[in-house]
Amino acid sequence: MIEPSRVPKLYSPKIGFNEFAERFSGRAAMLAFIAAIVFEAVTGQGIFSWLGLA
């Protein structure tokens, strides 16, 4: 059986449900959670009350 001399490099898509998108959205969520905690500690009020929603 003849095998190819090299294996083609396959690129994974950057959109949709894949490892890159899951890792990116997880990191973004962690940053947003920490930012909300810091915001509340600095201003003394939560995000919703600061926006006038609560």
PDB file of N, CA and C in Angstrom:
ATOM      1  N   MET A   1       0.844  -1.173   0.000  1.00  0.00           N
ATOM      2  CA  MET A   1       0.000   0.000   0.000  1.00  0.00           C
ATOM      3  C   MET A   1       0.891   1.238   0.000  1.00  0.00           C
ATOM      4  N   ILE A   2       0.512   2.216  -0.782  1.00  0.00           N
ATOM      5  CA  ILE A   2       1.290   3.442  -0.904  1.00  0.00           C
ATOM      6  C   ILE A   2       0.747   4.462   0.094  1.00  0.00           C
ATOM      7  N   GLU A   3       1.648   5.048   0.868  1.00  0.00           N
ATOM      8  CA  GLU A   3       1.257   6.074   1.838  1.00  0.00           C
ATOM      9  C   GLU A   3       1.797   7.425   1.378  1.00  0.00           C
ATOM     10  N   PRO A   4       1.112   8.508   1.735  1.00  0.00           N
ATOM     11  CA  PRO A   4       1.598   9.826   1.307  1.00  0.00           C
ATOM     12  C   PRO A   4       2.911  10.176   1.992  1.00  0.00           C
ATOM     13  N   SER A   5       3.686  11.049   1.329  1.00  0.00           N
ATOM     14  CA  SER A   5       4.983  11.436   1.873  1.00  0.00           C
ATOM     15  C   SER A   5       4.854  12.403   3.045  1.00  0.00           C
ATOM     16  N   ARG A   6       3.756  13.138   3.095  1.00  0.00           N
ATOM     17  CA  ARG A   6       3.538  14.048   4.225  1.00  0.00           C
ATOM     18  C   ARG A   6       2.053  14.091   4.559  1.00  0.00           C
ATOM     19  N   VAL A   7       1.755  14.503   5.783  1.00  0.00           N
ATOM     20  CA  VAL A   7       0.373  14.596   6.243  1.00  0.00           C
ATOM     21  C   VAL A   7      -0.061  16.051   6.133  1.00  0.00           C
ATOM     22  N   PRO A   8      -1.203  16.325   5.503  1.00  0.00           N
ATOM     23  CA  PRO A   8      -1.643  17.718   5.398  1.00  0.00           C
ATOM     24  C   PRO A   8      -2.001  18.290   6.761  1.00  0.00           C
ATOM     25  N   LYS A   9      -1.713  19.576   6.939  1.00  0.00           N
ATOM     26  CA  LYS A   9      -2.040  20.249   8.194  1.00  0.00           C
ATOM     27  C   LYS A   9      -3.478  20.759   8.114  1.00  0.00           C
ATOM     28  N   LEU A  10      -4.319  20.282   9.004  1.00  0.00           N
ATOM     29  CA  LEU A  10      -5.716  20.683   9.031  1.00  0.00           C
ATOM     30  C   LEU A  10      -5.919  21.791  10.052  1.00  0.00           C
ATOM     31  N   TYR A  11      -6.612  22.836   9.649  1.00  0.00           N
ATOM     32  CA  TYR A  11      -6.878  23.957  10.540  1.00  0.00           C
ATOM     33  C   TYR A  11      -8.283  23.809  11.107  1.00  0.00           C
ATOM     34  N   SER A  12      -8.398  23.993  12.420  1.00  0.00           N
ATOM     35  CA  SER A  12      -9.719  23.933  13.031  1.00  0.00           C
ATOM     36  C   SER A  12     -10.397  25.293  12.896  1.00  0.00           C
ATOM     37  N   PRO A  13     -11.700  25.322  12.720  1.00  0.00           N
ATOM     38  CA  PRO A  13     -12.396  26.594  12.577  1.00  0.00           C
ATOM     39  C   PRO A  13     -12.386  27.375  13.888  1.00  0.00           C
ATOM     40  N   LYS A  14     -12.433  28.700  13.783  1.00  0.00           N
ATOM     41  CA  LYS A  14     -12.411  29.562  14.968  1.00  0.00           C
ATOM     42  C   LYS A  14     -13.806  29.918  15.454  1.00  0.00           C
ATOM     43  N   ILE A  15     -14.851  29.438  14.799  1.00  0.00           N
ATOM     44  CA  ILE A  15     -16.215  29.717  15.230  1.00  0.00           C
ATOM     45  C   ILE A  15     -16.948  28.402  15.440  1.00  0.00           C
ATOM     46  N   GLY A  16     -18.041  28.449  16.163  1.00  0.00           N
ATOM     47  CA  GLY A  16     -18.822  27.250  16.428  1.00  0.00           C
ATOM     48  C   GLY A  16     -18.393  26.580  17.727  1.00  0.00           C
ATOM     49  N   PHE A  17     -18.910  25.375  17.959  1.00  0.00           N
ATOM     50  CA  PHE A  17     -18.587  24.632  19.167  1.00  0.00           C
ATOM     51  C   PHE A  17     -17.322  23.820  18.934  1.00  0.00           C
ATOM     52  N   ASN A  18     -16.189  24.399  19.280  1.00  0.00           N
ATOM     53  CA  ASN A  18     -14.925  23.687  19.183  1.00  0.00           C
ATOM     54  C   ASN A  18     -14.070  24.050  20.393  1.00  0.00           C
ATOM     55  N   GLU A  19     -12.896  23.469  20.474  1.00  0.00           N
ATOM     56  CA  GLU A  19     -12.049  23.656  21.653  1.00  0.00           C
ATOM     57  C   GLU A  19     -11.632  25.115  21.820  1.00  0.00           C
ATOM     58  N   PHE A  20     -11.294  25.790  20.724  1.00  0.00           N
ATOM     59  CA  PHE A  20     -10.874  27.193  20.802  1.00  0.00           C
ATOM     60  C   PHE A  20     -11.990  28.074  21.352  1.00  0.00           C
ATOM     61  N   ALA A  21     -13.202  27.919  20.819  1.00  0.00           N
ATOM     62  CA  ALA A  21     -14.326  28.756  21.237  1.00  0.00           C
ATOM     63  C   ALA A  21     -14.690  28.508  22.696  1.00  0.00           C
ATOM     64  N   GLU A  22     -14.659  27.254  23.119  1.00  0.00           N
ATOM     65  CA  GLU A  22     -14.987  26.927  24.503  1.00  0.00           C
ATOM     66  C   GLU A  22     -13.957  27.511  25.461  1.00  0.00           C
ATOM     67  N   ARG A  23     -12.688  27.412  25.109  1.00  0.00           N
ATOM     68  CA  ARG A  23     -11.634  27.962  25.963  1.00  0.00           C
ATOM     69  C   ARG A  23     -11.722  29.489  26.022  1.00  0.00           C
ATOM     70  N   PHE A  24     -11.978  30.128  24.873  1.00  0.00           N
ATOM     71  CA  PHE A  24     -12.062  31.581  24.816  1.00  0.00           C
ATOM     72  C   PHE A  24     -13.234  32.102  25.640  1.00  0.00           C
ATOM     73  N   SER A  25     -14.416  31.486  25.492  1.00  0.00           N
ATOM     74  CA  SER A  25     -15.576  31.966  26.239  1.00  0.00           C
ATOM     75  C   SER A  25     -15.439  31.678  27.729  1.00  0.00           C
ATOM     76  N   GLY A  26     -14.766  30.596  28.100  1.00  0.00           N
ATOM     77  CA  GLY A  26     -14.514  30.319  29.512  1.00  0.00           C
ATOM     78  C   GLY A  26     -13.615  31.364  30.143  1.00  0.00           C
ATOM     79  N   ARG A  27     -12.566  31.723  29.419  1.00  0.00           N
ATOM     80  CA  ARG A  27     -11.654  32.763  29.933  1.00  0.00           C
ATOM     81  C   ARG A  27     -12.335  34.123  30.011  1.00  0.00           C
ATOM     82  N   ALA A  28     -13.175  34.441  29.023  1.00  0.00           N
ATOM     83  CA  ALA A  28     -13.904  35.711  29.040  1.00  0.00           C
ATOM     84  C   ALA A  28     -14.868  35.761  30.226  1.00  0.00           C
ATOM     85  N   ALA A  29     -15.510  34.646  30.526  1.00  0.00           N
ATOM     86  CA  ALA A  29     -16.431  34.594  31.660  1.00  0.00           C
ATOM     87  C   ALA A  29     -15.690  34.767  32.977  1.00  0.00           C
ATOM     88  N   MET A  30     -14.518  34.152  33.095  1.00  0.00           N
ATOM     89  CA  MET A  30     -13.728  34.318  34.329  1.00  0.00           C
ATOM     90  C   MET A  30     -13.306  35.768  34.520  1.00  0.00           C
ATOM     91  N   LEU A  31     -12.884  36.422  33.436  1.00  0.00           N
ATOM     92  CA  LEU A  31     -12.488  37.833  33.531  1.00  0.00           C
ATOM     93  C   LEU A  31     -13.678  38.721  33.895  1.00  0.00           C
ATOM     94  N   ALA A  32     -14.840  38.452  33.315  1.00  0.00           N
ATOM     95  CA  ALA A  32     -16.025  39.254  33.619  1.00  0.00           C
ATOM     96  C   ALA A  32     -16.459  39.076  35.066  1.00  0.00           C
ATOM     97  N   PHE A  33     -16.348  37.863  35.585  1.00  0.00           N
ATOM     98  CA  PHE A  33     -16.726  37.615  36.978  1.00  0.00           C
ATOM     99  C   PHE A  33     -15.795  38.364  37.927  1.00  0.00           C
ATOM    100  N   ILE A  34     -14.507  38.307  37.674  1.00  0.00           N
ATOM    101  CA  ILE A  34     -13.537  39.025  38.517  1.00  0.00           C
ATOM    102  C   ILE A  34     -13.746  40.533  38.400  1.00  0.00           C
ATOM    103  N   ALA A  35     -14.022  41.012  37.184  1.00  0.00           N
ATOM    104  CA  ALA A  35     -14.266  42.444  37.003  1.00  0.00           C
ATOM    105  C   ALA A  35     -15.511  42.888  37.765  1.00  0.00           C
ATOM    106  N   ALA A  36     -16.555  42.066  37.799  1.00  0.00           N
ATOM    107  CA  ALA A  36     -17.772  42.409  38.538  1.00  0.00           C
ATOM    108  C   ALA A  36     -17.500  42.460  40.039  1.00  0.00           C
ATOM    109  N   ILE A  37     -16.692  41.540  40.537  1.00  0.00           N
ATOM    110  CA  ILE A  37     -16.337  41.542  41.965  1.00  0.00           C
ATOM    111  C   ILE A  37     -15.521  42.778  42.310  1.00  0.00           C
ATOM    112  N   VAL A  38     -14.550  43.112  41.485  1.00  0.00           N
ATOM    113  CA  VAL A  38     -13.726  44.301  41.733  1.00  0.00           C
ATOM    114  C   VAL A  38     -14.577  45.564  41.653  1.00  0.00           C
ATOM    115  N   PHE A  39     -15.463  45.638  40.682  1.00  0.00           N
ATOM    116  CA  PHE A  39     -16.348  46.794  40.545  1.00  0.00           C
ATOM    117  C   PHE A  39     -17.208  46.981  41.779  1.00  0.00           C
ATOM    118  N   GLU A  40     -17.747  45.878  42.283  1.00  0.00           N
ATOM    119  CA  GLU A  40     -18.586  45.965  43.473  1.00  0.00           C
ATOM    120  C   GLU A  40     -17.775  46.365  44.695  1.00  0.00           C
ATOM    121  N   ALA A  41     -16.548  45.880  44.811  1.00  0.00           N
ATOM    122  CA  ALA A  41     -15.708  46.234  45.952  1.00  0.00           C
ATOM    123  C   ALA A  41     -15.310  47.709  45.919  1.00  0.00           C
ATOM    124  N   VAL A  42     -15.064  48.238  44.726  1.00  0.00           N
ATOM    125  CA  VAL A  42     -14.632  49.630  44.601  1.00  0.00           C
ATOM    126  C   VAL A  42     -15.794  50.601  44.778  1.00  0.00           C
ATOM    127  N   THR A  43     -16.937  50.327  44.137  1.00  0.00           N
ATOM    128  CA  THR A  43     -18.045  51.287  44.174  1.00  0.00           C
ATOM    129  C   THR A  43     -19.009  51.049  45.333  1.00  0.00           C
ATOM    130  N   GLY A  44     -19.041  49.856  45.883  1.00  0.00           N
ATOM    131  CA  GLY A  44     -19.960  49.560  46.969  1.00  0.00           C
ATOM    132  C   GLY A  44     -21.358  49.193  46.509  1.00  0.00           C
ATOM    133  N   GLN A  45     -21.566  49.103  45.222  1.00  0.00           N
ATOM    134  CA  GLN A  45     -22.867  48.694  44.701  1.00  0.00           C
ATOM    135  C   GLN A  45     -22.654  47.721  43.540  1.00  0.00           C
ATOM    136  N   GLY A  46     -23.654  46.891  43.308  1.00  0.00           N
ATOM    137  CA  GLY A  46     -23.546  45.889  42.259  1.00  0.00           C
ATOM    138  C   GLY A  46     -23.729  46.472  40.872  1.00  0.00           C
ATOM    139  N   ILE A  47     -23.473  45.655  39.871  1.00  0.00           N
ATOM    140  CA  ILE A  47     -23.585  46.092  38.485  1.00  0.00           C
ATOM    141  C   ILE A  47     -25.031  46.502  38.160  1.00  0.00           C
ATOM    142  N   PHE A  48     -26.014  45.682  38.590  1.00  0.00           N
ATOM    143  CA  PHE A  48     -27.406  45.981  38.255  1.00  0.00           C
ATOM    144  C   PHE A  48     -27.888  47.274  38.933  1.00  0.00           C
ATOM    145  N   SER A  49     -27.497  47.492  40.184  1.00  0.00           N
ATOM    146  CA  SER A  49     -27.920  48.723  40.844  1.00  0.00           C
ATOM    147  C   SER A  49     -27.211  49.937  40.239  1.00  0.00           C
ATOM    148  N   TRP A  50     -25.985  49.765  39.791  1.00  0.00           N
ATOM    149  CA  TRP A  50     -25.261  50.853  39.159  1.00  0.00           C
ATOM    150  C   TRP A  50     -25.905  51.222  37.818  1.00  0.00           C
ATOM    151  N   LEU A  51     -26.432  50.221  37.128  1.00  0.00           N
ATOM    152  CA  LEU A  51     -27.103  50.481  35.855  1.00  0.00           C
ATOM    153  C   LEU A  51     -28.545  50.946  36.051  1.00  0.00           C
ATOM    154  N   GLY A  52     -29.041  50.910  37.283  1.00  0.00           N
ATOM    155  CA  GLY A  52     -30.404  51.343  37.570  1.00  0.00           C
ATOM    156  C   GLY A  52     -31.442  50.270  37.313  1.00  0.00           C
ATOM    157  N   LEU A  53     -31.037  49.002  37.300  1.00  0.00           N
ATOM    158  CA  LEU A  53     -31.973  47.906  37.033  1.00  0.00           C
ATOM    159  C   LEU A  53     -32.482  47.248  38.300  1.00  0.00           C
ATOM    160  N   ALA A  54     -31.892  47.563  39.425  1.00  0.00           N
ATOM    161  CA  ALA A  54     -32.341  46.925  40.675  1.00  0.00           C
ATOM    162  C   ALA A  54     -32.701  47.964  41.708  1.00  0.00           C
TER     163      ALA A  54
END
